[in-house]
Amino acid sequence: LGWRVGNAGEGLAQMFHMMNEART
């Protein structure tokens, strides 16, 4: 079970927020 974060179809754009922080 999981819950969608934000709008459908925007997952990769949202995940870049975390990915860029992880890259830093």
PDBML (XML) file of the C-alpha atoms, coordinates in Angstrom:
<?xml version="1.0" encoding="UTF-8" ?>
<PDBx:datablock datablockName="MODEL"
   xmlns:PDBx="http://pdbml.pdb.org/schema/pdbx-v50.xsd"
   xmlns:xsi="http://www.w3.org/2001/XMLSchema-instance"
   xsi:schemaLocation="http://pdbml.pdb.org/schema/pdbx-v50.xsd pdbx-v50.xsd">
   <PDBx:atom_siteCategory>
      <PDBx:atom_site id="1">
         <PDBx:B_iso_or_equiv>0.00</PDBx:B_iso_or_equiv>
         <PDBx:Cartn_x>0.000</PDBx:Cartn_x>
         <PDBx:Cartn_y>0.000</PDBx:Cartn_y>
         <PDBx:Cartn_z>0.000</PDBx:Cartn_z>
         <PDBx:auth_asym_id>A</PDBx:auth_asym_id>
         <PDBx:auth_atom_id>CA</PDBx:auth_atom_id>
         <PDBx:auth_comp_id>LEU</PDBx:auth_comp_id>
         <PDBx:auth_seq_id>1</PDBx:auth_seq_id>
         <PDBx:group_PDB>ATOM</PDBx:group_PDB>
         <PDBx:label_alt_id xsi:nil="true" />
         <PDBx:label_asym_id>A</PDBx:label_asym_id>
         <PDBx:label_atom_id>CA</PDBx:label_atom_id>
         <PDBx:label_comp_id>LEU</PDBx:label_comp_id>
         <PDBx:label_entity_id>1</PDBx:label_entity_id>
         <PDBx:label_seq_id>1</PDBx:label_seq_id>
         <PDBx:occupancy>1.00</PDBx:occupancy>
         <PDBx:pdbx_PDB_model_num>1</PDBx:pdbx_PDB_model_num>
         <PDBx:type_symbol>C</PDBx:type_symbol>
      </PDBx:atom_site>
      <PDBx:atom_site id="2">
         <PDBx:B_iso_or_equiv>0.00</PDBx:B_iso_or_equiv>
         <PDBx:Cartn_x>1.221</PDBx:Cartn_x>
         <PDBx:Cartn_y>3.450</PDBx:Cartn_y>
         <PDBx:Cartn_z>-0.951</PDBx:Cartn_z>
         <PDBx:auth_asym_id>A</PDBx:auth_asym_id>
         <PDBx:auth_atom_id>CA</PDBx:auth_atom_id>
         <PDBx:auth_comp_id>GLY</PDBx:auth_comp_id>
         <PDBx:auth_seq_id>2</PDBx:auth_seq_id>
         <PDBx:group_PDB>ATOM</PDBx:group_PDB>
         <PDBx:label_alt_id xsi:nil="true" />
         <PDBx:label_asym_id>A</PDBx:label_asym_id>
         <PDBx:label_atom_id>CA</PDBx:label_atom_id>
         <PDBx:label_comp_id>GLY</PDBx:label_comp_id>
         <PDBx:label_entity_id>1</PDBx:label_entity_id>
         <PDBx:label_seq_id>2</PDBx:label_seq_id>
         <PDBx:occupancy>1.00</PDBx:occupancy>
         <PDBx:pdbx_PDB_model_num>1</PDBx:pdbx_PDB_model_num>
         <PDBx:type_symbol>C</PDBx:type_symbol>
      </PDBx:atom_site>
      <PDBx:atom_site id="3">
         <PDBx:B_iso_or_equiv>0.00</PDBx:B_iso_or_equiv>
         <PDBx:Cartn_x>-0.139</PDBx:Cartn_x>
         <PDBx:Cartn_y>6.928</PDBx:Cartn_y>
         <PDBx:Cartn_z>-1.481</PDBx:Cartn_z>
         <PDBx:auth_asym_id>A</PDBx:auth_asym_id>
         <PDBx:auth_atom_id>CA</PDBx:auth_atom_id>
         <PDBx:auth_comp_id>TRP</PDBx:auth_comp_id>
         <PDBx:auth_seq_id>3</PDBx:auth_seq_id>
         <PDBx:group_PDB>ATOM</PDBx:group_PDB>
         <PDBx:label_alt_id xsi:nil="true" />
         <PDBx:label_asym_id>A</PDBx:label_asym_id>
         <PDBx:label_atom_id>CA</PDBx:label_atom_id>
         <PDBx:label_comp_id>TRP</PDBx:label_comp_id>
         <PDBx:label_entity_id>1</PDBx:label_entity_id>
         <PDBx:label_seq_id>3</PDBx:label_seq_id>
         <PDBx:occupancy>1.00</PDBx:occupancy>
         <PDBx:pdbx_PDB_model_num>1</PDBx:pdbx_PDB_model_num>
         <PDBx:type_symbol>C</PDBx:type_symbol>
      </PDBx:atom_site>
      <PDBx:atom_site id="4">
         <PDBx:B_iso_or_equiv>0.00</PDBx:B_iso_or_equiv>
         <PDBx:Cartn_x>0.555</PDBx:Cartn_x>
         <PDBx:Cartn_y>9.088</PDBx:Cartn_y>
         <PDBx:Cartn_z>-4.511</PDBx:Cartn_z>
         <PDBx:auth_asym_id>A</PDBx:auth_asym_id>
         <PDBx:auth_atom_id>CA</PDBx:auth_atom_id>
         <PDBx:auth_comp_id>ARG</PDBx:auth_comp_id>
         <PDBx:auth_seq_id>4</PDBx:auth_seq_id>
         <PDBx:group_PDB>ATOM</PDBx:group_PDB>
         <PDBx:label_alt_id xsi:nil="true" />
         <PDBx:label_asym_id>A</PDBx:label_asym_id>
         <PDBx:label_atom_id>CA</PDBx:label_atom_id>
         <PDBx:label_comp_id>ARG</PDBx:label_comp_id>
         <PDBx:label_entity_id>1</PDBx:label_entity_id>
         <PDBx:label_seq_id>4</PDBx:label_seq_id>
         <PDBx:occupancy>1.00</PDBx:occupancy>
         <PDBx:pdbx_PDB_model_num>1</PDBx:pdbx_PDB_model_num>
         <PDBx:type_symbol>C</PDBx:type_symbol>
      </PDBx:atom_site>
      <PDBx:atom_site id="5">
         <PDBx:B_iso_or_equiv>0.00</PDBx:B_iso_or_equiv>
         <PDBx:Cartn_x>2.579</PDBx:Cartn_x>
         <PDBx:Cartn_y>12.206</PDBx:Cartn_y>
         <PDBx:Cartn_z>-3.798</PDBx:Cartn_z>
         <PDBx:auth_asym_id>A</PDBx:auth_asym_id>
         <PDBx:auth_atom_id>CA</PDBx:auth_atom_id>
         <PDBx:auth_comp_id>VAL</PDBx:auth_comp_id>
         <PDBx:auth_seq_id>5</PDBx:auth_seq_id>
         <PDBx:group_PDB>ATOM</PDBx:group_PDB>
         <PDBx:label_alt_id xsi:nil="true" />
         <PDBx:label_asym_id>A</PDBx:label_asym_id>
         <PDBx:label_atom_id>CA</PDBx:label_atom_id>
         <PDBx:label_comp_id>VAL</PDBx:label_comp_id>
         <PDBx:label_entity_id>1</PDBx:label_entity_id>
         <PDBx:label_seq_id>5</PDBx:label_seq_id>
         <PDBx:occupancy>1.00</PDBx:occupancy>
         <PDBx:pdbx_PDB_model_num>1</PDBx:pdbx_PDB_model_num>
         <PDBx:type_symbol>C</PDBx:type_symbol>
      </PDBx:atom_site>
      <PDBx:atom_site id="6">
         <PDBx:B_iso_or_equiv>0.00</PDBx:B_iso_or_equiv>
         <PDBx:Cartn_x>1.366</PDBx:Cartn_x>
         <PDBx:Cartn_y>15.188</PDBx:Cartn_y>
         <PDBx:Cartn_z>-5.806</PDBx:Cartn_z>
         <PDBx:auth_asym_id>A</PDBx:auth_asym_id>
         <PDBx:auth_atom_id>CA</PDBx:auth_atom_id>
         <PDBx:auth_comp_id>GLY</PDBx:auth_comp_id>
         <PDBx:auth_seq_id>6</PDBx:auth_seq_id>
         <PDBx:group_PDB>ATOM</PDBx:group_PDB>
         <PDBx:label_alt_id xsi:nil="true" />
         <PDBx:label_asym_id>A</PDBx:label_asym_id>
         <PDBx:label_atom_id>CA</PDBx:label_atom_id>
         <PDBx:label_comp_id>GLY</PDBx:label_comp_id>
         <PDBx:label_entity_id>1</PDBx:label_entity_id>
         <PDBx:label_seq_id>6</PDBx:label_seq_id>
         <PDBx:occupancy>1.00</PDBx:occupancy>
         <PDBx:pdbx_PDB_model_num>1</PDBx:pdbx_PDB_model_num>
         <PDBx:type_symbol>C</PDBx:type_symbol>
      </PDBx:atom_site>
      <PDBx:atom_site id="7">
         <PDBx:B_iso_or_equiv>0.00</PDBx:B_iso_or_equiv>
         <PDBx:Cartn_x>-0.063</PDBx:Cartn_x>
         <PDBx:Cartn_y>14.829</PDBx:Cartn_y>
         <PDBx:Cartn_z>-9.287</PDBx:Cartn_z>
         <PDBx:auth_asym_id>A</PDBx:auth_asym_id>
         <PDBx:auth_atom_id>CA</PDBx:auth_atom_id>
         <PDBx:auth_comp_id>ASN</PDBx:auth_comp_id>
         <PDBx:auth_seq_id>7</PDBx:auth_seq_id>
         <PDBx:group_PDB>ATOM</PDBx:group_PDB>
         <PDBx:label_alt_id xsi:nil="true" />
         <PDBx:label_asym_id>A</PDBx:label_asym_id>
         <PDBx:label_atom_id>CA</PDBx:label_atom_id>
         <PDBx:label_comp_id>ASN</PDBx:label_comp_id>
         <PDBx:label_entity_id>1</PDBx:label_entity_id>
         <PDBx:label_seq_id>7</PDBx:label_seq_id>
         <PDBx:occupancy>1.00</PDBx:occupancy>
         <PDBx:pdbx_PDB_model_num>1</PDBx:pdbx_PDB_model_num>
         <PDBx:type_symbol>C</PDBx:type_symbol>
      </PDBx:atom_site>
      <PDBx:atom_site id="8">
         <PDBx:B_iso_or_equiv>0.00</PDBx:B_iso_or_equiv>
         <PDBx:Cartn_x>-0.041</PDBx:Cartn_x>
         <PDBx:Cartn_y>11.734</PDBx:Cartn_y>
         <PDBx:Cartn_z>-11.462</PDBx:Cartn_z>
         <PDBx:auth_asym_id>A</PDBx:auth_asym_id>
         <PDBx:auth_atom_id>CA</PDBx:auth_atom_id>
         <PDBx:auth_comp_id>ALA</PDBx:auth_comp_id>
         <PDBx:auth_seq_id>8</PDBx:auth_seq_id>
         <PDBx:group_PDB>ATOM</PDBx:group_PDB>
         <PDBx:label_alt_id xsi:nil="true" />
         <PDBx:label_asym_id>A</PDBx:label_asym_id>
         <PDBx:label_atom_id>CA</PDBx:label_atom_id>
         <PDBx:label_comp_id>ALA</PDBx:label_comp_id>
         <PDBx:label_entity_id>1</PDBx:label_entity_id>
         <PDBx:label_seq_id>8</PDBx:label_seq_id>
         <PDBx:occupancy>1.00</PDBx:occupancy>
         <PDBx:pdbx_PDB_model_num>1</PDBx:pdbx_PDB_model_num>
         <PDBx:type_symbol>C</PDBx:type_symbol>
      </PDBx:atom_site>
      <PDBx:atom_site id="9">
         <PDBx:B_iso_or_equiv>0.00</PDBx:B_iso_or_equiv>
         <PDBx:Cartn_x>2.729</PDBx:Cartn_x>
         <PDBx:Cartn_y>11.628</PDBx:Cartn_y>
         <PDBx:Cartn_z>-14.033</PDBx:Cartn_z>
         <PDBx:auth_asym_id>A</PDBx:auth_asym_id>
         <PDBx:auth_atom_id>CA</PDBx:auth_atom_id>
         <PDBx:auth_comp_id>GLY</PDBx:auth_comp_id>
         <PDBx:auth_seq_id>9</PDBx:auth_seq_id>
         <PDBx:group_PDB>ATOM</PDBx:group_PDB>
         <PDBx:label_alt_id xsi:nil="true" />
         <PDBx:label_asym_id>A</PDBx:label_asym_id>
         <PDBx:label_atom_id>CA</PDBx:label_atom_id>
         <PDBx:label_comp_id>GLY</PDBx:label_comp_id>
         <PDBx:label_entity_id>1</PDBx:label_entity_id>
         <PDBx:label_seq_id>9</PDBx:label_seq_id>
         <PDBx:occupancy>1.00</PDBx:occupancy>
         <PDBx:pdbx_PDB_model_num>1</PDBx:pdbx_PDB_model_num>
         <PDBx:type_symbol>C</PDBx:type_symbol>
      </PDBx:atom_site>
      <PDBx:atom_site id="10">
         <PDBx:B_iso_or_equiv>0.00</PDBx:B_iso_or_equiv>
         <PDBx:Cartn_x>5.025</PDBx:Cartn_x>
         <PDBx:Cartn_y>13.999</PDBx:Cartn_y>
         <PDBx:Cartn_z>-12.150</PDBx:Cartn_z>
         <PDBx:auth_asym_id>A</PDBx:auth_asym_id>
         <PDBx:auth_atom_id>CA</PDBx:auth_atom_id>
         <PDBx:auth_comp_id>GLU</PDBx:auth_comp_id>
         <PDBx:auth_seq_id>10</PDBx:auth_seq_id>
         <PDBx:group_PDB>ATOM</PDBx:group_PDB>
         <PDBx:label_alt_id xsi:nil="true" />
         <PDBx:label_asym_id>A</PDBx:label_asym_id>
         <PDBx:label_atom_id>CA</PDBx:label_atom_id>
         <PDBx:label_comp_id>GLU</PDBx:label_comp_id>
         <PDBx:label_entity_id>1</PDBx:label_entity_id>
         <PDBx:label_seq_id>10</PDBx:label_seq_id>
         <PDBx:occupancy>1.00</PDBx:occupancy>
         <PDBx:pdbx_PDB_model_num>1</PDBx:pdbx_PDB_model_num>
         <PDBx:type_symbol>C</PDBx:type_symbol>
      </PDBx:atom_site>
      <PDBx:atom_site id="11">
         <PDBx:B_iso_or_equiv>0.00</PDBx:B_iso_or_equiv>
         <PDBx:Cartn_x>7.001</PDBx:Cartn_x>
         <PDBx:Cartn_y>11.374</PDBx:Cartn_y>
         <PDBx:Cartn_z>-10.253</PDBx:Cartn_z>
         <PDBx:auth_asym_id>A</PDBx:auth_asym_id>
         <PDBx:auth_atom_id>CA</PDBx:auth_atom_id>
         <PDBx:auth_comp_id>GLY</PDBx:auth_comp_id>
         <PDBx:auth_seq_id>11</PDBx:auth_seq_id>
         <PDBx:group_PDB>ATOM</PDBx:group_PDB>
         <PDBx:label_alt_id xsi:nil="true" />
         <PDBx:label_asym_id>A</PDBx:label_asym_id>
         <PDBx:label_atom_id>CA</PDBx:label_atom_id>
         <PDBx:label_comp_id>GLY</PDBx:label_comp_id>
         <PDBx:label_entity_id>1</PDBx:label_entity_id>
         <PDBx:label_seq_id>11</PDBx:label_seq_id>
         <PDBx:occupancy>1.00</PDBx:occupancy>
         <PDBx:pdbx_PDB_model_num>1</PDBx:pdbx_PDB_model_num>
         <PDBx:type_symbol>C</PDBx:type_symbol>
      </PDBx:atom_site>
      <PDBx:atom_site id="12">
         <PDBx:B_iso_or_equiv>0.00</PDBx:B_iso_or_equiv>
         <PDBx:Cartn_x>10.324</PDBx:Cartn_x>
         <PDBx:Cartn_y>11.762</PDBx:Cartn_y>
         <PDBx:Cartn_z>-11.980</PDBx:Cartn_z>
         <PDBx:auth_asym_id>A</PDBx:auth_asym_id>
         <PDBx:auth_atom_id>CA</PDBx:auth_atom_id>
         <PDBx:auth_comp_id>LEU</PDBx:auth_comp_id>
         <PDBx:auth_seq_id>12</PDBx:auth_seq_id>
         <PDBx:group_PDB>ATOM</PDBx:group_PDB>
         <PDBx:label_alt_id xsi:nil="true" />
         <PDBx:label_asym_id>A</PDBx:label_asym_id>
         <PDBx:label_atom_id>CA</PDBx:label_atom_id>
         <PDBx:label_comp_id>LEU</PDBx:label_comp_id>
         <PDBx:label_entity_id>1</PDBx:label_entity_id>
         <PDBx:label_seq_id>12</PDBx:label_seq_id>
         <PDBx:occupancy>1.00</PDBx:occupancy>
         <PDBx:pdbx_PDB_model_num>1</PDBx:pdbx_PDB_model_num>
         <PDBx:type_symbol>C</PDBx:type_symbol>
      </PDBx:atom_site>
      <PDBx:atom_site id="13">
         <PDBx:B_iso_or_equiv>0.00</PDBx:B_iso_or_equiv>
         <PDBx:Cartn_x>10.259</PDBx:Cartn_x>
         <PDBx:Cartn_y>15.557</PDBx:Cartn_y>
         <PDBx:Cartn_z>-11.752</PDBx:Cartn_z>
         <PDBx:auth_asym_id>A</PDBx:auth_asym_id>
         <PDBx:auth_atom_id>CA</PDBx:auth_atom_id>
         <PDBx:auth_comp_id>ALA</PDBx:auth_comp_id>
         <PDBx:auth_seq_id>13</PDBx:auth_seq_id>
         <PDBx:group_PDB>ATOM</PDBx:group_PDB>
         <PDBx:label_alt_id xsi:nil="true" />
         <PDBx:label_asym_id>A</PDBx:label_asym_id>
         <PDBx:label_atom_id>CA</PDBx:label_atom_id>
         <PDBx:label_comp_id>ALA</PDBx:label_comp_id>
         <PDBx:label_entity_id>1</PDBx:label_entity_id>
         <PDBx:label_seq_id>13</PDBx:label_seq_id>
         <PDBx:occupancy>1.00</PDBx:occupancy>
         <PDBx:pdbx_PDB_model_num>1</PDBx:pdbx_PDB_model_num>
         <PDBx:type_symbol>C</PDBx:type_symbol>
      </PDBx:atom_site>
      <PDBx:atom_site id="14">
         <PDBx:B_iso_or_equiv>0.00</PDBx:B_iso_or_equiv>
         <PDBx:Cartn_x>9.426</PDBx:Cartn_x>
         <PDBx:Cartn_y>15.334</PDBx:Cartn_y>
         <PDBx:Cartn_z>-8.046</PDBx:Cartn_z>
         <PDBx:auth_asym_id>A</PDBx:auth_asym_id>
         <PDBx:auth_atom_id>CA</PDBx:auth_atom_id>
         <PDBx:auth_comp_id>GLN</PDBx:auth_comp_id>
         <PDBx:auth_seq_id>14</PDBx:auth_seq_id>
         <PDBx:group_PDB>ATOM</PDBx:group_PDB>
         <PDBx:label_alt_id xsi:nil="true" />
         <PDBx:label_asym_id>A</PDBx:label_asym_id>
         <PDBx:label_atom_id>CA</PDBx:label_atom_id>
         <PDBx:label_comp_id>GLN</PDBx:label_comp_id>
         <PDBx:label_entity_id>1</PDBx:label_entity_id>
         <PDBx:label_seq_id>14</PDBx:label_seq_id>
         <PDBx:occupancy>1.00</PDBx:occupancy>
         <PDBx:pdbx_PDB_model_num>1</PDBx:pdbx_PDB_model_num>
         <PDBx:type_symbol>C</PDBx:type_symbol>
      </PDBx:atom_site>
      <PDBx:atom_site id="15">
         <PDBx:B_iso_or_equiv>0.00</PDBx:B_iso_or_equiv>
         <PDBx:Cartn_x>12.079</PDBx:Cartn_x>
         <PDBx:Cartn_y>12.712</PDBx:Cartn_y>
         <PDBx:Cartn_z>-7.391</PDBx:Cartn_z>
         <PDBx:auth_asym_id>A</PDBx:auth_asym_id>
         <PDBx:auth_atom_id>CA</PDBx:auth_atom_id>
         <PDBx:auth_comp_id>MET</PDBx:auth_comp_id>
         <PDBx:auth_seq_id>15</PDBx:auth_seq_id>
         <PDBx:group_PDB>ATOM</PDBx:group_PDB>
         <PDBx:label_alt_id xsi:nil="true" />
         <PDBx:label_asym_id>A</PDBx:label_asym_id>
         <PDBx:label_atom_id>CA</PDBx:label_atom_id>
         <PDBx:label_comp_id>MET</PDBx:label_comp_id>
         <PDBx:label_entity_id>1</PDBx:label_entity_id>
         <PDBx:label_seq_id>15</PDBx:label_seq_id>
         <PDBx:occupancy>1.00</PDBx:occupancy>
         <PDBx:pdbx_PDB_model_num>1</PDBx:pdbx_PDB_model_num>
         <PDBx:type_symbol>C</PDBx:type_symbol>
      </PDBx:atom_site>
      <PDBx:atom_site id="16">
         <PDBx:B_iso_or_equiv>0.00</PDBx:B_iso_or_equiv>
         <PDBx:Cartn_x>14.714</PDBx:Cartn_x>
         <PDBx:Cartn_y>14.998</PDBx:Cartn_y>
         <PDBx:Cartn_z>-8.906</PDBx:Cartn_z>
         <PDBx:auth_asym_id>A</PDBx:auth_asym_id>
         <PDBx:auth_atom_id>CA</PDBx:auth_atom_id>
         <PDBx:auth_comp_id>PHE</PDBx:auth_comp_id>
         <PDBx:auth_seq_id>16</PDBx:auth_seq_id>
         <PDBx:group_PDB>ATOM</PDBx:group_PDB>
         <PDBx:label_alt_id xsi:nil="true" />
         <PDBx:label_asym_id>A</PDBx:label_asym_id>
         <PDBx:label_atom_id>CA</PDBx:label_atom_id>
         <PDBx:label_comp_id>PHE</PDBx:label_comp_id>
         <PDBx:label_entity_id>1</PDBx:label_entity_id>
         <PDBx:label_seq_id>16</PDBx:label_seq_id>
         <PDBx:occupancy>1.00</PDBx:occupancy>
         <PDBx:pdbx_PDB_model_num>1</PDBx:pdbx_PDB_model_num>
         <PDBx:type_symbol>C</PDBx:type_symbol>
      </PDBx:atom_site>
      <PDBx:atom_site id="17">
         <PDBx:B_iso_or_equiv>0.00</PDBx:B_iso_or_equiv>
         <PDBx:Cartn_x>14.180</PDBx:Cartn_x>
         <PDBx:Cartn_y>17.161</PDBx:Cartn_y>
         <PDBx:Cartn_z>-5.799</PDBx:Cartn_z>
         <PDBx:auth_asym_id>A</PDBx:auth_asym_id>
         <PDBx:auth_atom_id>CA</PDBx:auth_atom_id>
         <PDBx:auth_comp_id>HIS</PDBx:auth_comp_id>
         <PDBx:auth_seq_id>17</PDBx:auth_seq_id>
         <PDBx:group_PDB>ATOM</PDBx:group_PDB>
         <PDBx:label_alt_id xsi:nil="true" />
         <PDBx:label_asym_id>A</PDBx:label_asym_id>
         <PDBx:label_atom_id>CA</PDBx:label_atom_id>
         <PDBx:label_comp_id>HIS</PDBx:label_comp_id>
         <PDBx:label_entity_id>1</PDBx:label_entity_id>
         <PDBx:label_seq_id>17</PDBx:label_seq_id>
         <PDBx:occupancy>1.00</PDBx:occupancy>
         <PDBx:pdbx_PDB_model_num>1</PDBx:pdbx_PDB_model_num>
         <PDBx:type_symbol>C</PDBx:type_symbol>
      </PDBx:atom_site>
      <PDBx:atom_site id="18">
         <PDBx:B_iso_or_equiv>0.00</PDBx:B_iso_or_equiv>
         <PDBx:Cartn_x>15.490</PDBx:Cartn_x>
         <PDBx:Cartn_y>14.308</PDBx:Cartn_y>
         <PDBx:Cartn_z>-3.658</PDBx:Cartn_z>
         <PDBx:auth_asym_id>A</PDBx:auth_asym_id>
         <PDBx:auth_atom_id>CA</PDBx:auth_atom_id>
         <PDBx:auth_comp_id>MET</PDBx:auth_comp_id>
         <PDBx:auth_seq_id>18</PDBx:auth_seq_id>
         <PDBx:group_PDB>ATOM</PDBx:group_PDB>
         <PDBx:label_alt_id xsi:nil="true" />
         <PDBx:label_asym_id>A</PDBx:label_asym_id>
         <PDBx:label_atom_id>CA</PDBx:label_atom_id>
         <PDBx:label_comp_id>MET</PDBx:label_comp_id>
         <PDBx:label_entity_id>1</PDBx:label_entity_id>
         <PDBx:label_seq_id>18</PDBx:label_seq_id>
         <PDBx:occupancy>1.00</PDBx:occupancy>
         <PDBx:pdbx_PDB_model_num>1</PDBx:pdbx_PDB_model_num>
         <PDBx:type_symbol>C</PDBx:type_symbol>
      </PDBx:atom_site>
      <PDBx:atom_site id="19">
         <PDBx:B_iso_or_equiv>0.00</PDBx:B_iso_or_equiv>
         <PDBx:Cartn_x>17.991</PDBx:Cartn_x>
         <PDBx:Cartn_y>13.087</PDBx:Cartn_y>
         <PDBx:Cartn_z>-6.244</PDBx:Cartn_z>
         <PDBx:auth_asym_id>A</PDBx:auth_asym_id>
         <PDBx:auth_atom_id>CA</PDBx:auth_atom_id>
         <PDBx:auth_comp_id>MET</PDBx:auth_comp_id>
         <PDBx:auth_seq_id>19</PDBx:auth_seq_id>
         <PDBx:group_PDB>ATOM</PDBx:group_PDB>
         <PDBx:label_alt_id xsi:nil="true" />
         <PDBx:label_asym_id>A</PDBx:label_asym_id>
         <PDBx:label_atom_id>CA</PDBx:label_atom_id>
         <PDBx:label_comp_id>MET</PDBx:label_comp_id>
         <PDBx:label_entity_id>1</PDBx:label_entity_id>
         <PDBx:label_seq_id>19</PDBx:label_seq_id>
         <PDBx:occupancy>1.00</PDBx:occupancy>
         <PDBx:pdbx_PDB_model_num>1</PDBx:pdbx_PDB_model_num>
         <PDBx:type_symbol>C</PDBx:type_symbol>
      </PDBx:atom_site>
      <PDBx:atom_site id="20">
         <PDBx:B_iso_or_equiv>0.00</PDBx:B_iso_or_equiv>
         <PDBx:Cartn_x>19.656</PDBx:Cartn_x>
         <PDBx:Cartn_y>16.495</PDBx:Cartn_y>
         <PDBx:Cartn_z>-6.491</PDBx:Cartn_z>
         <PDBx:auth_asym_id>A</PDBx:auth_asym_id>
         <PDBx:auth_atom_id>CA</PDBx:auth_atom_id>
         <PDBx:auth_comp_id>ASN</PDBx:auth_comp_id>
         <PDBx:auth_seq_id>20</PDBx:auth_seq_id>
         <PDBx:group_PDB>ATOM</PDBx:group_PDB>
         <PDBx:label_alt_id xsi:nil="true" />
         <PDBx:label_asym_id>A</PDBx:label_asym_id>
         <PDBx:label_atom_id>CA</PDBx:label_atom_id>
         <PDBx:label_comp_id>ASN</PDBx:label_comp_id>
         <PDBx:label_entity_id>1</PDBx:label_entity_id>
         <PDBx:label_seq_id>20</PDBx:label_seq_id>
         <PDBx:occupancy>1.00</PDBx:occupancy>
         <PDBx:pdbx_PDB_model_num>1</PDBx:pdbx_PDB_model_num>
         <PDBx:type_symbol>C</PDBx:type_symbol>
      </PDBx:atom_site>
      <PDBx:atom_site id="21">
         <PDBx:B_iso_or_equiv>0.00</PDBx:B_iso_or_equiv>
         <PDBx:Cartn_x>19.867</PDBx:Cartn_x>
         <PDBx:Cartn_y>16.704</PDBx:Cartn_y>
         <PDBx:Cartn_z>-2.708</PDBx:Cartn_z>
         <PDBx:auth_asym_id>A</PDBx:auth_asym_id>
         <PDBx:auth_atom_id>CA</PDBx:auth_atom_id>
         <PDBx:auth_comp_id>GLU</PDBx:auth_comp_id>
         <PDBx:auth_seq_id>21</PDBx:auth_seq_id>
         <PDBx:group_PDB>ATOM</PDBx:group_PDB>
         <PDBx:label_alt_id xsi:nil="true" />
         <PDBx:label_asym_id>A</PDBx:label_asym_id>
         <PDBx:label_atom_id>CA</PDBx:label_atom_id>
         <PDBx:label_comp_id>GLU</PDBx:label_comp_id>
         <PDBx:label_entity_id>1</PDBx:label_entity_id>
         <PDBx:label_seq_id>21</PDBx:label_seq_id>
         <PDBx:occupancy>1.00</PDBx:occupancy>
         <PDBx:pdbx_PDB_model_num>1</PDBx:pdbx_PDB_model_num>
         <PDBx:type_symbol>C</PDBx:type_symbol>
      </PDBx:atom_site>
      <PDBx:atom_site id="22">
         <PDBx:B_iso_or_equiv>0.00</PDBx:B_iso_or_equiv>
         <PDBx:Cartn_x>21.336</PDBx:Cartn_x>
         <PDBx:Cartn_y>13.199</PDBx:Cartn_y>
         <PDBx:Cartn_z>-2.599</PDBx:Cartn_z>
         <PDBx:auth_asym_id>A</PDBx:auth_asym_id>
         <PDBx:auth_atom_id>CA</PDBx:auth_atom_id>
         <PDBx:auth_comp_id>ALA</PDBx:auth_comp_id>
         <PDBx:auth_seq_id>22</PDBx:auth_seq_id>
         <PDBx:group_PDB>ATOM</PDBx:group_PDB>
         <PDBx:label_alt_id xsi:nil="true" />
         <PDBx:label_asym_id>A</PDBx:label_asym_id>
         <PDBx:label_atom_id>CA</PDBx:label_atom_id>
         <PDBx:label_comp_id>ALA</PDBx:label_comp_id>
         <PDBx:label_entity_id>1</PDBx:label_entity_id>
         <PDBx:label_seq_id>22</PDBx:label_seq_id>
         <PDBx:occupancy>1.00</PDBx:occupancy>
         <PDBx:pdbx_PDB_model_num>1</PDBx:pdbx_PDB_model_num>
         <PDBx:type_symbol>C</PDBx:type_symbol>
      </PDBx:atom_site>
      <PDBx:atom_site id="23">
         <PDBx:B_iso_or_equiv>0.00</PDBx:B_iso_or_equiv>
         <PDBx:Cartn_x>23.834</PDBx:Cartn_x>
         <PDBx:Cartn_y>14.191</PDBx:Cartn_y>
         <PDBx:Cartn_z>-5.284</PDBx:Cartn_z>
         <PDBx:auth_asym_id>A</PDBx:auth_asym_id>
         <PDBx:auth_atom_id>CA</PDBx:auth_atom_id>
         <PDBx:auth_comp_id>ARG</PDBx:auth_comp_id>
         <PDBx:auth_seq_id>23</PDBx:auth_seq_id>
         <PDBx:group_PDB>ATOM</PDBx:group_PDB>
         <PDBx:label_alt_id xsi:nil="true" />
         <PDBx:label_asym_id>A</PDBx:label_asym_id>
         <PDBx:label_atom_id>CA</PDBx:label_atom_id>
         <PDBx:label_comp_id>ARG</PDBx:label_comp_id>
         <PDBx:label_entity_id>1</PDBx:label_entity_id>
         <PDBx:label_seq_id>23</PDBx:label_seq_id>
         <PDBx:occupancy>1.00</PDBx:occupancy>
         <PDBx:pdbx_PDB_model_num>1</PDBx:pdbx_PDB_model_num>
         <PDBx:type_symbol>C</PDBx:type_symbol>
      </PDBx:atom_site>
      <PDBx:atom_site id="24">
         <PDBx:B_iso_or_equiv>0.00</PDBx:B_iso_or_equiv>
         <PDBx:Cartn_x>24.936</PDBx:Cartn_x>
         <PDBx:Cartn_y>17.132</PDBx:Cartn_y>
         <PDBx:Cartn_z>-3.172</PDBx:Cartn_z>
         <PDBx:auth_asym_id>A</PDBx:auth_asym_id>
         <PDBx:auth_atom_id>CA</PDBx:auth_atom_id>
         <PDBx:auth_comp_id>THR</PDBx:auth_comp_id>
         <PDBx:auth_seq_id>24</PDBx:auth_seq_id>
         <PDBx:group_PDB>ATOM</PDBx:group_PDB>
         <PDBx:label_alt_id xsi:nil="true" />
         <PDBx:label_asym_id>A</PDBx:label_asym_id>
         <PDBx:label_atom_id>CA</PDBx:label_atom_id>
         <PDBx:label_comp_id>THR</PDBx:label_comp_id>
         <PDBx:label_entity_id>1</PDBx:label_entity_id>
         <PDBx:label_seq_id>24</PDBx:label_seq_id>
         <PDBx:occupancy>1.00</PDBx:occupancy>
         <PDBx:pdbx_PDB_model_num>1</PDBx:pdbx_PDB_model_num>
         <PDBx:type_symbol>C</PDBx:type_symbol>
      </PDBx:atom_site>
   </PDBx:atom_siteCategory>
</PDBx:datablock>
